Amino acid sequence: FGTWDMLSRHGESFAAGMPLCGGGSVEAAERLAAIPLRVFHGSEDDAVPPSGSRQMAEAIGRFHPVDFAYTEMTGYGHGIWAEVYRDPAPIRWLFEQRKK
């Protein structure tokens, strides 16, 4: 939730974002579509339902996002951080991003 909130309020300060297991305000979707994003959520998350990330992905998709990917990790619950961060690709992608 924190990542979505910060990007919604101060997106111009960030080169990219990588929200995990959260949700945000679909009213901010147009602003968020201008920020490169990699979003992850576990399909079996019972702490924060994946519907929050799904709704954000759908809303952002309506605005032709600049660089967006949503990954729903099948069979995973809320604690996906170790699995996401174990894969060097998302972290490498995140640190390759530069503000224009």
N, C-alpha and C. Protein backbone atom coordinates (compact mmCIF):
# COMPACT_ATOMS: atom_id res chain seq x y z
N PHE A 1 0.83 -1.20 0.00
CA PHE A 1 0.00 0.00 0.00
C PHE A 1 0.86 1.25 0.00
N GLY A 2 1.97 1.18 0.70
CA GLY A 2 2.87 2.33 0.78
C GLY A 2 3.44 2.71 -0.56
N THR A 3 3.84 1.72 -1.35
CA THR A 3 4.40 2.01 -2.67
C THR A 3 3.36 2.66 -3.57
N TRP A 4 2.17 2.08 -3.58
CA TRP A 4 1.10 2.68 -4.39
C TRP A 4 0.82 4.12 -3.95
N ASP A 5 0.76 4.33 -2.66
CA ASP A 5 0.46 5.67 -2.14
C ASP A 5 1.55 6.67 -2.52
N MET A 6 2.81 6.30 -2.29
CA MET A 6 3.91 7.22 -2.62
C MET A 6 3.93 7.54 -4.11
N LEU A 7 3.74 6.53 -4.95
CA LEU A 7 3.74 6.77 -6.40
C LEU A 7 2.55 7.62 -6.82
N SER A 8 1.41 7.42 -6.18
CA SER A 8 0.22 8.21 -6.51
C SER A 8 0.40 9.68 -6.14
N ARG A 9 1.05 9.92 -5.01
CA ARG A 9 1.21 11.29 -4.51
C ARG A 9 2.45 11.98 -5.06
N HIS A 10 3.54 11.22 -5.25
CA HIS A 10 4.83 11.82 -5.59
C HIS A 10 5.52 11.06 -6.73
N GLY A 11 4.75 10.60 -7.68
CA GLY A 11 5.30 9.80 -8.78
C GLY A 11 6.42 10.46 -9.54
N GLU A 12 6.39 11.78 -9.63
CA GLU A 12 7.43 12.50 -10.36
C GLU A 12 8.80 12.37 -9.70
N SER A 13 8.83 11.93 -8.46
CA SER A 13 10.09 11.78 -7.73
C SER A 13 10.76 10.42 -7.96
N PHE A 14 10.07 9.50 -8.62
CA PHE A 14 10.57 8.13 -8.75
C PHE A 14 10.73 7.73 -10.21
N ALA A 15 11.76 6.93 -10.47
CA ALA A 15 11.99 6.43 -11.82
C ALA A 15 11.12 5.22 -12.11
N ALA A 16 10.70 4.48 -11.07
CA ALA A 16 9.91 3.27 -11.24
C ALA A 16 9.38 2.84 -9.89
N GLY A 17 8.53 1.82 -9.90
CA GLY A 17 8.00 1.28 -8.66
C GLY A 17 7.76 -0.21 -8.78
N MET A 18 7.76 -0.87 -7.61
CA MET A 18 7.56 -2.32 -7.58
C MET A 18 6.68 -2.69 -6.37
N PRO A 19 5.37 -2.43 -6.46
CA PRO A 19 4.47 -2.78 -5.36
C PRO A 19 4.31 -4.29 -5.22
N LEU A 20 4.32 -4.75 -3.98
CA LEU A 20 4.11 -6.16 -3.67
C LEU A 20 2.93 -6.28 -2.71
N CYS A 21 1.98 -7.14 -3.03
CA CYS A 21 0.88 -7.48 -2.13
C CYS A 21 0.15 -6.28 -1.57
N GLY A 22 -0.28 -5.39 -2.41
CA GLY A 22 -0.98 -4.21 -1.91
C GLY A 22 -2.16 -3.86 -2.77
N GLY A 23 -2.51 -2.63 -2.70
CA GLY A 23 -3.60 -2.08 -3.49
C GLY A 23 -3.50 -0.58 -3.42
N GLY A 24 -4.16 0.06 -4.33
CA GLY A 24 -4.09 1.52 -4.37
C GLY A 24 -5.40 2.11 -4.81
N SER A 25 -5.36 3.38 -5.12
CA SER A 25 -6.53 4.11 -5.55
C SER A 25 -6.62 4.07 -7.08
N VAL A 26 -7.67 3.46 -7.59
CA VAL A 26 -7.82 3.40 -9.05
C VAL A 26 -7.98 4.79 -9.66
N GLU A 27 -8.35 5.77 -8.84
CA GLU A 27 -8.45 7.15 -9.33
C GLU A 27 -7.09 7.70 -9.74
N ALA A 28 -6.01 7.10 -9.26
CA ALA A 28 -4.65 7.55 -9.60
C ALA A 28 -4.08 6.81 -10.81
N ALA A 29 -4.86 5.94 -11.42
CA ALA A 29 -4.36 5.07 -12.49
C ALA A 29 -3.72 5.83 -13.65
N GLU A 30 -4.30 6.94 -14.06
CA GLU A 30 -3.73 7.69 -15.19
C GLU A 30 -2.33 8.20 -14.85
N ARG A 31 -2.14 8.73 -13.65
CA ARG A 31 -0.80 9.19 -13.23
C ARG A 31 0.17 8.01 -13.13
N LEU A 32 -0.31 6.89 -12.60
CA LEU A 32 0.55 5.73 -12.42
C LEU A 32 0.96 5.09 -13.76
N ALA A 33 0.14 5.27 -14.77
CA ALA A 33 0.46 4.70 -16.09
C ALA A 33 1.71 5.31 -16.69
N ALA A 34 2.12 6.47 -16.21
CA ALA A 34 3.32 7.15 -16.72
C ALA A 34 4.60 6.69 -16.01
N ILE A 35 4.47 5.80 -15.02
CA ILE A 35 5.61 5.33 -14.23
C ILE A 35 5.85 3.86 -14.55
N PRO A 36 7.08 3.46 -14.88
CA PRO A 36 7.36 2.04 -15.07
C PRO A 36 7.05 1.27 -13.78
N LEU A 37 6.28 0.18 -13.91
CA LEU A 37 5.85 -0.59 -12.73
C LEU A 37 5.98 -2.09 -12.96
N ARG A 38 6.40 -2.78 -11.91
CA ARG A 38 6.34 -4.23 -11.83
C ARG A 38 5.57 -4.53 -10.55
N VAL A 39 4.43 -5.18 -10.70
CA VAL A 39 3.52 -5.43 -9.58
C VAL A 39 3.45 -6.94 -9.35
N PHE A 40 3.54 -7.35 -8.09
CA PHE A 40 3.49 -8.76 -7.72
C PHE A 40 2.46 -8.97 -6.61
N HIS A 41 1.77 -10.12 -6.68
CA HIS A 41 0.81 -10.47 -5.63
C HIS A 41 0.66 -11.98 -5.63
N GLY A 42 0.51 -12.58 -4.45
CA GLY A 42 0.26 -14.01 -4.34
C GLY A 42 -1.21 -14.31 -4.56
N SER A 43 -1.49 -15.34 -5.33
CA SER A 43 -2.88 -15.68 -5.65
C SER A 43 -3.67 -16.14 -4.43
N GLU A 44 -2.98 -16.65 -3.42
CA GLU A 44 -3.64 -17.17 -2.23
C GLU A 44 -3.47 -16.24 -1.02
N ASP A 45 -3.22 -14.98 -1.26
CA ASP A 45 -3.01 -14.00 -0.18
C ASP A 45 -4.32 -13.80 0.58
N ASP A 46 -4.32 -14.17 1.86
CA ASP A 46 -5.52 -13.97 2.65
C ASP A 46 -5.38 -12.78 3.61
N ALA A 47 -4.22 -12.12 3.59
CA ALA A 47 -4.03 -10.90 4.38
C ALA A 47 -4.46 -9.67 3.58
N VAL A 48 -4.04 -9.61 2.32
CA VAL A 48 -4.43 -8.55 1.40
C VAL A 48 -4.87 -9.25 0.11
N PRO A 49 -6.16 -9.31 -0.14
CA PRO A 49 -6.65 -10.04 -1.31
C PRO A 49 -6.02 -9.54 -2.62
N PRO A 50 -5.70 -10.46 -3.53
CA PRO A 50 -5.11 -10.05 -4.80
C PRO A 50 -6.03 -9.17 -5.65
N SER A 51 -7.28 -9.09 -5.30
CA SER A 51 -8.20 -8.23 -6.06
C SER A 51 -7.72 -6.78 -6.07
N GLY A 52 -7.02 -6.33 -5.01
CA GLY A 52 -6.50 -4.96 -4.99
C GLY A 52 -5.49 -4.72 -6.09
N SER A 53 -4.57 -5.65 -6.28
CA SER A 53 -3.59 -5.52 -7.35
C SER A 53 -4.23 -5.73 -8.72
N ARG A 54 -5.17 -6.65 -8.78
CA ARG A 54 -5.87 -6.88 -10.06
C ARG A 54 -6.61 -5.62 -10.51
N GLN A 55 -7.30 -4.97 -9.57
CA GLN A 55 -8.03 -3.74 -9.91
C GLN A 55 -7.08 -2.65 -10.37
N MET A 56 -5.95 -2.53 -9.70
CA MET A 56 -4.97 -1.52 -10.12
C MET A 56 -4.44 -1.84 -11.51
N ALA A 57 -4.11 -3.10 -11.76
CA ALA A 57 -3.59 -3.50 -13.08
C ALA A 57 -4.60 -3.19 -14.18
N GLU A 58 -5.86 -3.51 -13.92
CA GLU A 58 -6.91 -3.25 -14.91
C GLU A 58 -7.07 -1.75 -15.15
N ALA A 59 -7.10 -0.97 -14.09
CA ALA A 59 -7.27 0.49 -14.22
C ALA A 59 -6.10 1.13 -14.94
N ILE A 60 -4.89 0.76 -14.59
CA ILE A 60 -3.70 1.32 -15.24
C ILE A 60 -3.65 0.92 -16.71
N GLY A 61 -4.05 -0.30 -17.00
CA GLY A 61 -4.06 -0.79 -18.39
C GLY A 61 -4.94 0.04 -19.31
N ARG A 62 -5.95 0.67 -18.78
CA ARG A 62 -6.84 1.50 -19.60
C ARG A 62 -6.15 2.75 -20.14
N PHE A 63 -5.01 3.12 -19.54
CA PHE A 63 -4.31 4.35 -19.91
C PHE A 63 -3.02 4.08 -20.66
N HIS A 64 -2.90 2.92 -21.28
CA HIS A 64 -1.73 2.58 -22.10
C HIS A 64 -0.43 2.87 -21.34
N PRO A 65 -0.17 2.08 -20.31
CA PRO A 65 1.00 2.33 -19.47
C PRO A 65 2.31 2.29 -20.24
N VAL A 66 3.24 3.09 -19.78
CA VAL A 66 4.55 3.23 -20.41
C VAL A 66 5.35 1.92 -20.30
N ASP A 67 5.29 1.25 -19.17
CA ASP A 67 6.04 0.01 -18.93
C ASP A 67 5.43 -0.63 -17.70
N PHE A 68 4.60 -1.65 -17.91
CA PHE A 68 3.83 -2.21 -16.81
C PHE A 68 3.76 -3.73 -16.92
N ALA A 69 3.92 -4.40 -15.80
CA ALA A 69 3.72 -5.85 -15.75
C ALA A 69 3.12 -6.22 -14.40
N TYR A 70 2.10 -7.07 -14.45
CA TYR A 70 1.50 -7.60 -13.22
C TYR A 70 1.73 -9.09 -13.20
N THR A 71 2.31 -9.58 -12.10
CA THR A 71 2.55 -11.01 -11.93
C THR A 71 1.81 -11.48 -10.70
N GLU A 72 0.86 -12.38 -10.92
CA GLU A 72 0.18 -13.00 -9.80
C GLU A 72 0.82 -14.37 -9.60
N MET A 73 1.42 -14.56 -8.45
CA MET A 73 2.19 -15.75 -8.18
C MET A 73 1.27 -16.86 -7.66
N THR A 74 0.97 -17.81 -8.53
CA THR A 74 0.04 -18.89 -8.25
C THR A 74 0.50 -19.73 -7.07
N GLY A 75 -0.41 -19.91 -6.13
CA GLY A 75 -0.15 -20.76 -4.98
C GLY A 75 0.55 -20.07 -3.82
N TYR A 76 0.92 -18.82 -3.99
CA TYR A 76 1.61 -18.09 -2.93
C TYR A 76 0.63 -17.23 -2.14
N GLY A 77 0.95 -17.04 -0.85
CA GLY A 77 0.15 -16.19 0.02
C GLY A 77 0.74 -14.80 0.09
N HIS A 78 0.64 -14.20 1.26
CA HIS A 78 1.07 -12.82 1.44
C HIS A 78 2.60 -12.67 1.47
N GLY A 79 3.31 -13.67 1.94
CA GLY A 79 4.76 -13.55 2.10
C GLY A 79 5.55 -13.89 0.85
N ILE A 80 5.38 -13.11 -0.20
CA ILE A 80 6.07 -13.40 -1.47
C ILE A 80 7.40 -12.67 -1.61
N TRP A 81 7.74 -11.82 -0.65
CA TRP A 81 8.93 -10.98 -0.79
C TRP A 81 10.18 -11.81 -1.07
N ALA A 82 10.42 -12.84 -0.28
CA ALA A 82 11.65 -13.64 -0.46
C ALA A 82 11.70 -14.23 -1.86
N GLU A 83 10.57 -14.69 -2.34
CA GLU A 83 10.53 -15.31 -3.68
C GLU A 83 10.77 -14.27 -4.77
N VAL A 84 10.14 -13.12 -4.65
CA VAL A 84 10.33 -12.06 -5.66
C VAL A 84 11.78 -11.58 -5.65
N TYR A 85 12.32 -11.32 -4.47
CA TYR A 85 13.67 -10.76 -4.36
C TYR A 85 14.75 -11.80 -4.63
N ARG A 86 14.42 -13.08 -4.56
CA ARG A 86 15.38 -14.13 -4.89
C ARG A 86 15.70 -14.13 -6.39
N ASP A 87 14.74 -13.71 -7.19
CA ASP A 87 14.93 -13.62 -8.64
C ASP A 87 15.62 -12.30 -8.95
N PRO A 88 16.81 -12.32 -9.52
CA PRO A 88 17.51 -11.05 -9.77
C PRO A 88 16.86 -10.18 -10.85
N ALA A 89 16.01 -10.74 -11.69
CA ALA A 89 15.44 -9.97 -12.80
C ALA A 89 14.62 -8.76 -12.36
N PRO A 90 13.68 -8.89 -11.41
CA PRO A 90 12.91 -7.69 -11.02
C PRO A 90 13.78 -6.60 -10.38
N ILE A 91 14.74 -7.00 -9.58
CA ILE A 91 15.62 -6.01 -8.94
C ILE A 91 16.50 -5.34 -9.99
N ARG A 92 17.02 -6.13 -10.91
CA ARG A 92 17.84 -5.57 -11.99
C ARG A 92 17.02 -4.58 -12.80
N TRP A 93 15.79 -4.99 -13.16
CA TRP A 93 14.90 -4.09 -13.90
C TRP A 93 14.70 -2.79 -13.12
N LEU A 94 14.40 -2.91 -11.83
CA LEU A 94 14.12 -1.72 -11.02
C LEU A 94 15.29 -0.75 -11.04
N PHE A 95 16.50 -1.27 -10.86
CA PHE A 95 17.66 -0.38 -10.79
C PHE A 95 18.17 0.07 -12.15
N GLU A 96 17.64 -0.48 -13.23
CA GLU A 96 17.97 0.00 -14.57
C GLU A 96 17.15 1.22 -14.95
N GLN A 97 16.08 1.47 -14.25
CA GLN A 97 15.18 2.57 -14.60
C GLN A 97 15.80 3.91 -14.23
N ARG A 98 15.57 4.89 -15.07
CA ARG A 98 16.08 6.25 -14.86
C ARG A 98 14.95 7.24 -15.13
N LYS A 99 14.94 8.30 -14.36
CA LYS A 99 13.97 9.36 -14.60
C LYS A 99 14.34 10.07 -15.89
N LYS A 100 13.34 10.48 -16.61
CA LYS A 100 13.58 11.19 -17.87
C LYS A 100 13.76 12.67 -17.59
